[in-house]
Amino acid sequence: MYTVYRVKANEIDQNFINGLKATFQDREIEIVVYEVDETAYLMASESKIALLSQDWANRSR
C-alpha cells in the first residue's frame, strides 16, 4: 500500500498518529518527511504558469 499525506507540521497531532496506526495496523511502515516547494509545483506545467500569469495580470489592474 502506498499513501501520501500532505499536511502542515502543526496539523500533526495524536489523532493523525492514531489514524496511521489504524490504517496500517501491525505492518511495518516507512515515514519520509520533506518540505513541499509550492513554487516548483506551480511552475511544473505550462497551463499552471498561464493561469498564474493571467491571475497576476488581473490583480495588477
PDB file of N, CA and C in Angstrom:
ATOM      1  N   MET A   1       0.851  -1.184   0.000  1.00  0.00           N
ATOM      2  CA  MET A   1       0.000   0.000   0.000  1.00  0.00           C
ATOM      3  C   MET A   1       0.885   1.231   0.000  1.00  0.00           C
ATOM      4  N   TYR A   2       0.487   2.224  -0.775  1.00  0.00           N
ATOM      5  CA  TYR A   2       1.217   3.486  -0.881  1.00  0.00           C
ATOM      6  C   TYR A   2       0.234   4.611  -0.624  1.00  0.00           C
ATOM      7  N   THR A   3       0.516   5.428   0.368  1.00  0.00           N
ATOM      8  CA  THR A   3      -0.377   6.527   0.726  1.00  0.00           C
ATOM      9  C   THR A   3       0.444   7.784   0.948  1.00  0.00           C
ATOM     10  N   VAL A   4      -0.043   8.902   0.442  1.00  0.00           N
ATOM     11  CA  VAL A   4       0.621  10.185   0.653  1.00  0.00           C
ATOM     12  C   VAL A   4      -0.294  11.055   1.507  1.00  0.00           C
ATOM     13  N   TYR A   5       0.246  11.592   2.567  1.00  0.00           N
ATOM     14  CA  TYR A   5      -0.461  12.547   3.410  1.00  0.00           C
ATOM     15  C   TYR A   5       0.238  13.886   3.228  1.00  0.00           C
ATOM     16  N   ARG A   6      -0.484  14.900   2.880  1.00  0.00           N
ATOM     17  CA  ARG A   6       0.105  16.233   2.752  1.00  0.00           C
ATOM     18  C   ARG A   6      -0.524  17.112   3.826  1.00  0.00           C
ATOM     19  N   VAL A   7       0.257  17.421   4.839  1.00  0.00           N
ATOM     20  CA  VAL A   7      -0.243  18.194   5.974  1.00  0.00           C
ATOM     21  C   VAL A   7       0.790  19.224   6.395  1.00  0.00           C
ATOM     22  N   LYS A   8       0.329  20.209   7.105  1.00  0.00           N
ATOM     23  CA  LYS A   8       1.237  21.164   7.736  1.00  0.00           C
ATOM     24  C   LYS A   8       1.720  20.548   9.039  1.00  0.00           C
ATOM     25  N   ALA A   9       2.949  20.831   9.393  1.00  0.00           N
ATOM     26  CA  ALA A   9       3.547  20.224  10.578  1.00  0.00           C
ATOM     27  C   ALA A   9       2.697  20.445  11.831  1.00  0.00           C
ATOM     28  N   ASN A  10       2.093  21.614  11.952  1.00  0.00           N
ATOM     29  CA  ASN A  10       1.305  21.888  13.160  1.00  0.00           C
ATOM     30  C   ASN A  10      -0.047  21.170  13.160  1.00  0.00           C
ATOM     31  N   GLU A  11      -0.392  20.497  12.048  1.00  0.00           N
ATOM     32  CA  GLU A  11      -1.627  19.724  11.993  1.00  0.00           C
ATOM     33  C   GLU A  11      -1.433  18.277  12.443  1.00  0.00           C
ATOM     34  N   ILE A  12      -0.188  17.879  12.638  1.00  0.00           N
ATOM     35  CA  ILE A  12       0.084  16.509  13.074  1.00  0.00           C
ATOM     36  C   ILE A  12      -0.154  16.438  14.580  1.00  0.00           C
ATOM     37  N   ASP A  13      -1.154  15.673  14.951  1.00  0.00           N
ATOM     38  CA  ASP A  13      -1.483  15.517  16.365  1.00  0.00           C
ATOM     39  C   ASP A  13      -1.701  14.037  16.666  1.00  0.00           C
ATOM     40  N   GLN A  14      -2.134  13.750  17.855  1.00  0.00           N
ATOM     41  CA  GLN A  14      -2.331  12.357  18.246  1.00  0.00           C
ATOM     42  C   GLN A  14      -3.396  11.672  17.400  1.00  0.00           C
ATOM     43  N   ASN A  15      -4.411  12.415  16.973  1.00  0.00           N
ATOM     44  CA  ASN A  15      -5.440  11.842  16.102  1.00  0.00           C
ATOM     45  C   ASN A  15      -4.837  11.386  14.770  1.00  0.00           C
ATOM     46  N   PHE A  16      -3.908  12.171  14.235  1.00  0.00           N
ATOM     47  CA  PHE A  16      -3.239  11.798  12.995  1.00  0.00           C
ATOM     48  C   PHE A  16      -2.437  10.512  13.202  1.00  0.00           C
ATOM     49  N   ILE A  17      -1.689  10.449  14.281  1.00  0.00           N
ATOM     50  CA  ILE A  17      -0.899   9.257  14.597  1.00  0.00           C
ATOM     51  C   ILE A  17      -1.816   8.049  14.779  1.00  0.00           C
ATOM     52  N   ASN A  18      -2.895   8.234  15.490  1.00  0.00           N
ATOM     53  CA  ASN A  18      -3.843   7.130  15.694  1.00  0.00           C
ATOM     54  C   ASN A  18      -4.437   6.665  14.368  1.00  0.00           C
ATOM     55  N   GLY A  19      -4.674   7.602  13.452  1.00  0.00           N
ATOM     56  CA  GLY A  19      -5.180   7.247  12.136  1.00  0.00           C
ATOM     57  C   GLY A  19      -4.176   6.408  11.351  1.00  0.00           C
ATOM     58  N   LEU A  20      -2.900   6.771  11.452  1.00  0.00           N
ATOM     59  CA  LEU A  20      -1.851   5.969  10.812  1.00  0.00           C
ATOM     60  C   LEU A  20      -1.834   4.552  11.372  1.00  0.00           C
ATOM     61  N   LYS A  21      -1.887   4.463  12.688  1.00  0.00           N
ATOM     62  CA  LYS A  21      -1.877   3.146  13.335  1.00  0.00           C
ATOM     63  C   LYS A  21      -3.084   2.316  12.905  1.00  0.00           C
ATOM     64  N   ALA A  22      -4.237   2.937  12.825  1.00  0.00           N
ATOM     65  CA  ALA A  22      -5.446   2.204  12.427  1.00  0.00           C
ATOM     66  C   ALA A  22      -5.367   1.757  10.966  1.00  0.00           C
ATOM     67  N   THR A  23      -4.794   2.603  10.127  1.00  0.00           N
ATOM     68  CA  THR A  23      -4.697   2.286   8.708  1.00  0.00           C
ATOM     69  C   THR A  23      -3.715   1.158   8.439  1.00  0.00           C
ATOM     70  N   PHE A  24      -2.567   1.199   9.082  1.00  0.00           N
ATOM     71  CA  PHE A  24      -1.500   0.250   8.762  1.00  0.00           C
ATOM     72  C   PHE A  24      -1.367  -0.889   9.772  1.00  0.00           C
ATOM     73  N   GLN A  25      -2.060  -0.790  10.868  1.00  0.00           N
ATOM     74  CA  GLN A  25      -2.117  -1.825  11.898  1.00  0.00           C
ATOM     75  C   GLN A  25      -0.727  -2.352  12.259  1.00  0.00           C
ATOM     76  N   ASP A  26      -0.478  -3.645  12.133  1.00  0.00           N
ATOM     77  CA  ASP A  26       0.796  -4.230  12.561  1.00  0.00           C
ATOM     78  C   ASP A  26       1.855  -4.265  11.466  1.00  0.00           C
ATOM     79  N   ARG A  27       1.572  -3.657  10.317  1.00  0.00           N
ATOM     80  CA  ARG A  27       2.544  -3.677   9.220  1.00  0.00           C
ATOM     81  C   ARG A  27       3.681  -2.698   9.488  1.00  0.00           C
ATOM     82  N   GLU A  28       4.851  -3.029   8.975  1.00  0.00           N
ATOM     83  CA  GLU A  28       5.984  -2.117   9.078  1.00  0.00           C
ATOM     84  C   GLU A  28       5.799  -1.017   8.041  1.00  0.00           C
ATOM     85  N   ILE A  29       6.019   0.233   8.452  1.00  0.00           N
ATOM     86  CA  ILE A  29       5.879   1.364   7.535  1.00  0.00           C
ATOM     87  C   ILE A  29       7.154   2.197   7.570  1.00  0.00           C
ATOM     88  N   GLU A  30       7.310   3.010   6.561  1.00  0.00           N
ATOM     89  CA  GLU A  30       8.429   3.941   6.484  1.00  0.00           C
ATOM     90  C   GLU A  30       7.837   5.335   6.371  1.00  0.00           C
ATOM     91  N   ILE A  31       8.297   6.250   7.188  1.00  0.00           N
ATOM     92  CA  ILE A  31       7.801   7.625   7.162  1.00  0.00           C
ATOM     93  C   ILE A  31       8.936   8.519   6.661  1.00  0.00           C
ATOM     94  N   VAL A  32       8.693   9.207   5.554  1.00  0.00           N
ATOM     95  CA  VAL A  32       9.663  10.122   4.963  1.00  0.00           C
ATOM     96  C   VAL A  32       9.056  11.515   5.009  1.00  0.00           C
ATOM     97  N   VAL A  33       9.800  12.474   5.507  1.00  0.00           N
ATOM     98  CA  VAL A  33       9.286  13.837   5.636  1.00  0.00           C
ATOM     99  C   VAL A  33      10.183  14.766   4.821  1.00  0.00           C
ATOM    100  N   TYR A  34       9.543  15.615   3.999  1.00  0.00           N
ATOM    101  CA  TYR A  34      10.291  16.637   3.282  1.00  0.00           C
ATOM    102  C   TYR A  34       9.417  17.873   3.151  1.00  0.00           C
ATOM    103  N   GLU A  35      10.070  18.999   3.005  1.00  0.00           N
ATOM    104  CA  GLU A  35       9.355  20.260   2.868  1.00  0.00           C
ATOM    105  C   GLU A  35       8.838  20.392   1.441  1.00  0.00           C
ATOM    106  N   VAL A  36       7.591  20.802   1.292  1.00  0.00           N
ATOM    107  CA  VAL A  36       6.968  20.941  -0.024  1.00  0.00           C
ATOM    108  C   VAL A  36       7.329  22.308  -0.594  1.00  0.00           C
ATOM    109  N   ASP A  37       7.788  22.309  -1.840  1.00  0.00           N
ATOM    110  CA  ASP A  37       8.114  23.549  -2.542  1.00  0.00           C
ATOM    111  C   ASP A  37       6.937  23.915  -3.435  1.00  0.00           C
ATOM    112  N   GLU A  38       6.111  24.806  -2.980  1.00  0.00           N
ATOM    113  CA  GLU A  38       4.912  25.200  -3.730  1.00  0.00           C
ATOM    114  C   GLU A  38       5.268  25.824  -5.068  1.00  0.00           C
ATOM    115  N   THR A  39       6.367  26.553  -5.134  1.00  0.00           N
ATOM    116  CA  THR A  39       6.760  27.206  -6.373  1.00  0.00           C
ATOM    117  C   THR A  39       7.036  26.178  -7.461  1.00  0.00           C
ATOM    118  N   ALA A  40       7.772  25.128  -7.124  1.00  0.00           N
ATOM    119  CA  ALA A  40       8.081  24.088  -8.111  1.00  0.00           C
ATOM    120  C   ALA A  40       6.803  23.437  -8.620  1.00  0.00           C
ATOM    121  N   TYR A  41       5.852  23.183  -7.744  1.00  0.00           N
ATOM    122  CA  TYR A  41       4.579  22.581  -8.144  1.00  0.00           C
ATOM    123  C   TYR A  41       3.834  23.490  -9.120  1.00  0.00           C
ATOM    124  N   LEU A  42       3.769  24.775  -8.791  1.00  0.00           N
ATOM    125  CA  LEU A  42       3.017  25.711  -9.620  1.00  0.00           C
ATOM    126  C   LEU A  42       3.696  25.956 -10.967  1.00  0.00           C
ATOM    127  N   MET A  43       5.002  25.846 -11.030  1.00  0.00           N
ATOM    128  CA  MET A  43       5.731  26.096 -12.265  1.00  0.00           C
ATOM    129  C   MET A  43       5.979  24.819 -13.069  1.00  0.00           C
ATOM    130  N   ALA A  44       5.359  23.716 -12.683  1.00  0.00           N
ATOM    131  CA  ALA A  44       5.635  22.419 -13.305  1.00  0.00           C
ATOM    132  C   ALA A  44       4.967  22.245 -14.667  1.00  0.00           C
ATOM    133  N   SER A  45       3.989  23.056 -14.987  1.00  0.00           N
ATOM    134  CA  SER A  45       3.318  22.878 -16.280  1.00  0.00           C
ATOM    135  C   SER A  45       2.987  24.233 -16.895  1.00  0.00           C
ATOM    136  N   GLU A  46       2.935  24.236 -18.199  1.00  0.00           N
ATOM    137  CA  GLU A  46       2.622  25.467 -18.931  1.00  0.00           C
ATOM    138  C   GLU A  46       1.228  25.994 -18.582  1.00  0.00           C
ATOM    139  N   SER A  47       0.272  25.088 -18.377  1.00  0.00           N
ATOM    140  CA  SER A  47      -1.096  25.538 -18.084  1.00  0.00           C
ATOM    141  C   SER A  47      -1.159  26.252 -16.730  1.00  0.00           C
ATOM    142  N   LYS A  48      -0.427  25.753 -15.745  1.00  0.00           N
ATOM    143  CA  LYS A  48      -0.407  26.423 -14.437  1.00  0.00           C
ATOM    144  C   LYS A  48       0.286  27.771 -14.531  1.00  0.00           C
ATOM    145  N   ILE A  49       1.362  27.838 -15.307  1.00  0.00           N
ATOM    146  CA  ILE A  49       2.069  29.111 -15.492  1.00  0.00           C
ATOM    147  C   ILE A  49       1.154  30.121 -16.165  1.00  0.00           C
ATOM    148  N   ALA A  50       0.406  29.690 -17.175  1.00  0.00           N
ATOM    149  CA  ALA A  50      -0.518  30.586 -17.874  1.00  0.00           C
ATOM    150  C   ALA A  50      -1.595  31.105 -16.928  1.00  0.00           C
ATOM    151  N   LEU A  51      -2.140  30.224 -16.095  1.00  0.00           N
ATOM    152  CA  LEU A  51      -3.166  30.655 -15.136  1.00  0.00           C
ATOM    153  C   LEU A  51      -2.605  31.651 -14.135  1.00  0.00           C
ATOM    154  N   LEU A  52      -1.397  31.388 -13.651  1.00  0.00           N
ATOM    155  CA  LEU A  52      -0.765  32.309 -12.706  1.00  0.00           C
ATOM    156  C   LEU A  52      -0.498  33.662 -13.359  1.00  0.00           C
ATOM    157  N   SER A  53      -0.024  33.636 -14.598  1.00  0.00           N
ATOM    158  CA  SER A  53       0.253  34.880 -15.321  1.00  0.00           C
ATOM    159  C   SER A  53      -1.023  35.679 -15.524  1.00  0.00           C
ATOM    160  N   GLN A  54      -2.095  35.003 -15.884  1.00  0.00           N
ATOM    161  CA  GLN A  54      -3.376  35.676 -16.090  1.00  0.00           C
ATOM    162  C   GLN A  54      -3.886  36.269 -14.775  1.00  0.00           C
ATOM    163  N   ASP A  55      -3.779  35.498 -13.700  1.00  0.00           N
ATOM    164  CA  ASP A  55      -4.212  35.982 -12.393  1.00  0.00           C
ATOM    165  C   ASP A  55      -3.385  37.192 -11.969  1.00  0.00           C
ATOM    166  N   TRP A  56      -2.093  37.126 -12.198  1.00  0.00           N
ATOM    167  CA  TRP A  56      -1.207  38.246 -11.835  1.00  0.00           C
ATOM    168  C   TRP A  56      -1.584  39.501 -12.621  1.00  0.00           C
ATOM    169  N   ALA A  57      -1.863  39.325 -13.923  1.00  0.00           N
ATOM    170  CA  ALA A  57      -2.246  40.464 -14.763  1.00  0.00           C
ATOM    171  C   ALA A  57      -3.567  41.066 -14.277  1.00  0.00           C
ATOM    172  N   ASN A  58      -4.509  40.226 -13.903  1.00  0.00           N
ATOM    173  CA  ASN A  58      -5.808  40.698 -13.401  1.00  0.00           C
ATOM    174  C   ASN A  58      -5.652  41.463 -12.084  1.00  0.00           C
ATOM    175  N   ARG A  59      -4.751  41.017 -11.244  1.00  0.00           N
ATOM    176  CA  ARG A  59      -4.549  41.688  -9.960  1.00  0.00           C
ATOM    177  C   ARG A  59      -3.815  43.013 -10.110  1.00  0.00           C
ATOM    178  N   SER A  60      -3.036  43.144 -11.160  1.00  0.00           N
ATOM    179  CA  SER A  60      -2.256  44.359 -11.383  1.00  0.00           C
ATOM    180  C   SER A  60      -3.083  45.506 -11.914  1.00  0.00           C
ATOM    181  N   ARG A  61      -4.290  45.219 -12.358  1.00  0.00           N
ATOM    182  CA  ARG A  61      -5.153  46.272 -12.930  1.00  0.00           C
ATOM    183  C   ARG A  61      -5.722  47.178 -11.896  1.00  0.00           C
TER     184      ARG A  61
END
